[in-house]
Amino acid sequence: MILYTTMPQELVYQTPVSEFGKQEIIQYEGIPLLVERDENQSYRVIQVMSTDPTHFLDGRCTPGRILTNNRF
């Protein structure tokens, strides 16, 4: 089947609800982050939730970065 659409793939093929149970919002050095917990009890940054533009430029909390529990 071919699907012709201008909508992004994330809207057409949405994430299962069970995946959202792993996500939470944490404060990392004063920066609110949306993270996903993995099986090693570390966190992978999904999104910076701050309204401060300097937080988006901080390399310590870029999306995809792995944070361990001892860093909080």
N, C-alpha and C. Protein backbone atom coordinates (compact mmCIF):
# COMPACT_ATOMS: atom_id res chain seq x y z
N MET A 1 0.84 -1.17 0.00
CA MET A 1 0.00 0.00 0.00
C MET A 1 0.88 1.24 0.00
N ILE A 2 0.56 2.22 -0.80
CA ILE A 2 1.27 3.48 -0.86
C ILE A 2 0.36 4.56 -0.28
N LEU A 3 0.92 5.34 0.62
CA LEU A 3 0.16 6.40 1.26
C LEU A 3 0.75 7.74 0.85
N TYR A 4 0.00 8.51 0.09
CA TYR A 4 0.44 9.83 -0.34
C TYR A 4 -0.16 10.86 0.61
N THR A 5 0.69 11.53 1.37
CA THR A 5 0.22 12.52 2.32
C THR A 5 1.32 13.55 2.59
N THR A 6 0.90 14.73 3.00
CA THR A 6 1.86 15.76 3.38
C THR A 6 2.08 15.77 4.89
N MET A 7 1.35 14.91 5.61
CA MET A 7 1.49 14.84 7.06
C MET A 7 2.79 14.14 7.44
N PRO A 8 3.42 14.56 8.55
CA PRO A 8 4.65 13.88 8.99
C PRO A 8 4.36 12.43 9.39
N GLN A 9 5.36 11.61 9.25
CA GLN A 9 5.23 10.19 9.56
C GLN A 9 4.83 9.97 11.02
N GLU A 10 5.27 10.83 11.95
CA GLU A 10 4.95 10.69 13.36
C GLU A 10 3.45 10.84 13.62
N LEU A 11 2.74 11.61 12.78
CA LEU A 11 1.31 11.76 12.96
C LEU A 11 0.53 10.61 12.35
N VAL A 12 1.05 10.04 11.29
CA VAL A 12 0.36 8.93 10.63
C VAL A 12 0.56 7.64 11.42
N TYR A 13 1.79 7.36 11.84
CA TYR A 13 2.12 6.16 12.60
C TYR A 13 2.48 6.59 14.02
N GLN A 14 1.51 6.74 14.87
CA GLN A 14 1.75 7.25 16.21
C GLN A 14 2.34 6.18 17.12
N THR A 15 3.00 6.66 18.17
CA THR A 15 3.64 5.80 19.16
C THR A 15 2.59 5.09 20.00
N PRO A 16 2.79 3.81 20.31
CA PRO A 16 1.84 3.10 21.17
C PRO A 16 1.77 3.73 22.57
N VAL A 17 0.61 3.62 23.18
CA VAL A 17 0.39 4.23 24.50
C VAL A 17 1.33 3.64 25.55
N SER A 18 1.70 2.39 25.42
CA SER A 18 2.57 1.75 26.41
C SER A 18 3.95 2.41 26.48
N GLU A 19 4.40 3.02 25.41
CA GLU A 19 5.70 3.68 25.40
C GLU A 19 5.71 4.95 26.24
N PHE A 20 4.55 5.57 26.44
CA PHE A 20 4.48 6.80 27.21
C PHE A 20 4.65 6.55 28.71
N GLY A 21 4.45 5.33 29.16
CA GLY A 21 4.62 5.01 30.57
C GLY A 21 6.07 5.11 31.03
N LYS A 22 7.01 5.01 30.11
CA LYS A 22 8.43 5.11 30.43
C LYS A 22 8.91 6.56 30.51
N GLN A 23 8.10 7.50 30.08
CA GLN A 23 8.52 8.90 30.01
C GLN A 23 8.12 9.66 31.27
N GLU A 24 8.97 10.60 31.65
CA GLU A 24 8.67 11.48 32.77
C GLU A 24 9.43 12.78 32.61
N ILE A 25 8.97 13.80 33.33
CA ILE A 25 9.64 15.10 33.32
C ILE A 25 10.47 15.21 34.59
N ILE A 26 11.76 15.52 34.42
CA ILE A 26 12.67 15.65 35.55
C ILE A 26 13.32 17.03 35.49
N GLN A 27 13.93 17.43 36.61
CA GLN A 27 14.73 18.64 36.69
C GLN A 27 16.20 18.22 36.70
N TYR A 28 16.95 18.61 35.70
CA TYR A 28 18.37 18.31 35.63
C TYR A 28 19.13 19.62 35.71
N GLU A 29 19.74 19.87 36.88
CA GLU A 29 20.47 21.11 37.14
C GLU A 29 19.62 22.34 36.81
N GLY A 30 18.35 22.29 37.19
CA GLY A 30 17.44 23.42 37.01
C GLY A 30 16.78 23.49 35.64
N ILE A 31 17.03 22.49 34.79
CA ILE A 31 16.47 22.48 33.44
C ILE A 31 15.40 21.38 33.37
N PRO A 32 14.15 21.72 33.06
CA PRO A 32 13.13 20.68 32.94
C PRO A 32 13.30 19.89 31.63
N LEU A 33 13.35 18.58 31.76
CA LEU A 33 13.58 17.70 30.61
C LEU A 33 12.52 16.62 30.56
N LEU A 34 12.09 16.27 29.36
CA LEU A 34 11.27 15.08 29.15
C LEU A 34 12.24 13.96 28.83
N VAL A 35 12.23 12.91 29.65
CA VAL A 35 13.18 11.81 29.50
C VAL A 35 12.45 10.48 29.44
N GLU A 36 13.18 9.47 28.97
CA GLU A 36 12.66 8.11 28.91
C GLU A 36 13.60 7.22 29.71
N ARG A 37 13.05 6.47 30.66
CA ARG A 37 13.86 5.58 31.49
C ARG A 37 14.11 4.28 30.74
N ASP A 38 15.36 3.81 30.78
CA ASP A 38 15.66 2.54 30.14
C ASP A 38 15.87 1.46 31.21
N GLU A 39 16.21 0.25 30.78
CA GLU A 39 16.31 -0.87 31.71
C GLU A 39 17.49 -0.75 32.65
N ASN A 40 18.47 0.09 32.38
CA ASN A 40 19.63 0.27 33.26
C ASN A 40 19.41 1.38 34.28
N GLN A 41 18.17 1.86 34.42
CA GLN A 41 17.81 2.94 35.32
C GLN A 41 18.53 4.24 34.98
N SER A 42 18.90 4.42 33.74
CA SER A 42 19.42 5.70 33.28
C SER A 42 18.34 6.35 32.41
N TYR A 43 18.53 7.59 32.06
CA TYR A 43 17.53 8.35 31.32
C TYR A 43 18.08 8.82 29.99
N ARG A 44 17.25 8.76 28.96
CA ARG A 44 17.61 9.31 27.64
C ARG A 44 16.75 10.55 27.43
N VAL A 45 17.40 11.67 27.13
CA VAL A 45 16.69 12.93 26.95
C VAL A 45 15.90 12.88 25.65
N ILE A 46 14.62 13.21 25.74
CA ILE A 46 13.75 13.26 24.58
C ILE A 46 13.55 14.70 24.12
N GLN A 47 13.29 15.59 25.10
CA GLN A 47 12.96 16.97 24.76
C GLN A 47 13.29 17.89 25.92
N VAL A 48 13.78 19.10 25.61
CA VAL A 48 13.97 20.14 26.61
C VAL A 48 12.64 20.86 26.76
N MET A 49 12.12 20.91 27.98
CA MET A 49 10.80 21.47 28.24
C MET A 49 10.85 22.92 28.74
N SER A 50 12.00 23.52 28.72
CA SER A 50 12.19 24.86 29.27
C SER A 50 11.73 25.94 28.29
N THR A 51 11.47 27.13 28.83
CA THR A 51 11.18 28.29 27.98
C THR A 51 12.38 29.22 27.89
N ASP A 52 13.47 28.87 28.57
CA ASP A 52 14.69 29.67 28.53
C ASP A 52 15.53 29.26 27.32
N PRO A 53 15.80 30.18 26.39
CA PRO A 53 16.56 29.81 25.18
C PRO A 53 17.96 29.30 25.46
N THR A 54 18.58 29.72 26.56
CA THR A 54 19.93 29.24 26.84
C THR A 54 19.96 27.76 27.21
N HIS A 55 18.85 27.22 27.71
CA HIS A 55 18.79 25.79 28.03
C HIS A 55 18.88 24.93 26.77
N PHE A 56 18.39 25.44 25.66
CA PHE A 56 18.44 24.68 24.41
C PHE A 56 19.86 24.63 23.85
N LEU A 57 20.70 25.58 24.25
CA LEU A 57 22.08 25.62 23.78
C LEU A 57 23.04 24.86 24.69
N ASP A 58 22.54 24.39 25.83
CA ASP A 58 23.36 23.66 26.79
C ASP A 58 23.61 22.25 26.27
N GLY A 59 24.85 21.91 26.03
CA GLY A 59 25.21 20.60 25.47
C GLY A 59 25.01 19.44 26.42
N ARG A 60 24.84 19.70 27.71
CA ARG A 60 24.67 18.63 28.69
C ARG A 60 23.30 17.98 28.60
N CYS A 61 22.33 18.64 27.98
CA CYS A 61 20.96 18.11 27.97
C CYS A 61 20.36 18.10 26.57
N THR A 62 21.16 17.79 25.57
CA THR A 62 20.66 17.71 24.22
C THR A 62 19.86 16.41 24.03
N PRO A 63 18.83 16.42 23.19
CA PRO A 63 18.05 15.21 22.95
C PRO A 63 18.93 14.05 22.46
N GLY A 64 18.69 12.88 23.04
CA GLY A 64 19.47 11.69 22.72
C GLY A 64 20.56 11.41 23.74
N ARG A 65 20.91 12.38 24.55
CA ARG A 65 21.95 12.21 25.55
C ARG A 65 21.47 11.29 26.67
N ILE A 66 22.36 10.48 27.20
CA ILE A 66 22.05 9.55 28.28
C ILE A 66 22.49 10.18 29.60
N LEU A 67 21.56 10.24 30.56
CA LEU A 67 21.85 10.75 31.90
C LEU A 67 21.75 9.59 32.88
N THR A 68 22.71 9.47 33.77
CA THR A 68 22.68 8.42 34.79
C THR A 68 22.13 8.99 36.09
N ASN A 69 21.67 8.11 36.97
CA ASN A 69 21.05 8.52 38.22
C ASN A 69 21.98 9.34 39.11
N ASN A 70 23.28 9.11 39.05
CA ASN A 70 24.18 9.81 39.95
C ASN A 70 24.42 11.27 39.51
N ARG A 71 23.80 11.70 38.44
CA ARG A 71 23.99 13.08 37.96
C ARG A 71 22.87 14.00 38.42
N PHE A 72 21.89 13.51 39.22
CA PHE A 72 20.78 14.34 39.65
C PHE A 72 21.01 14.85 41.05
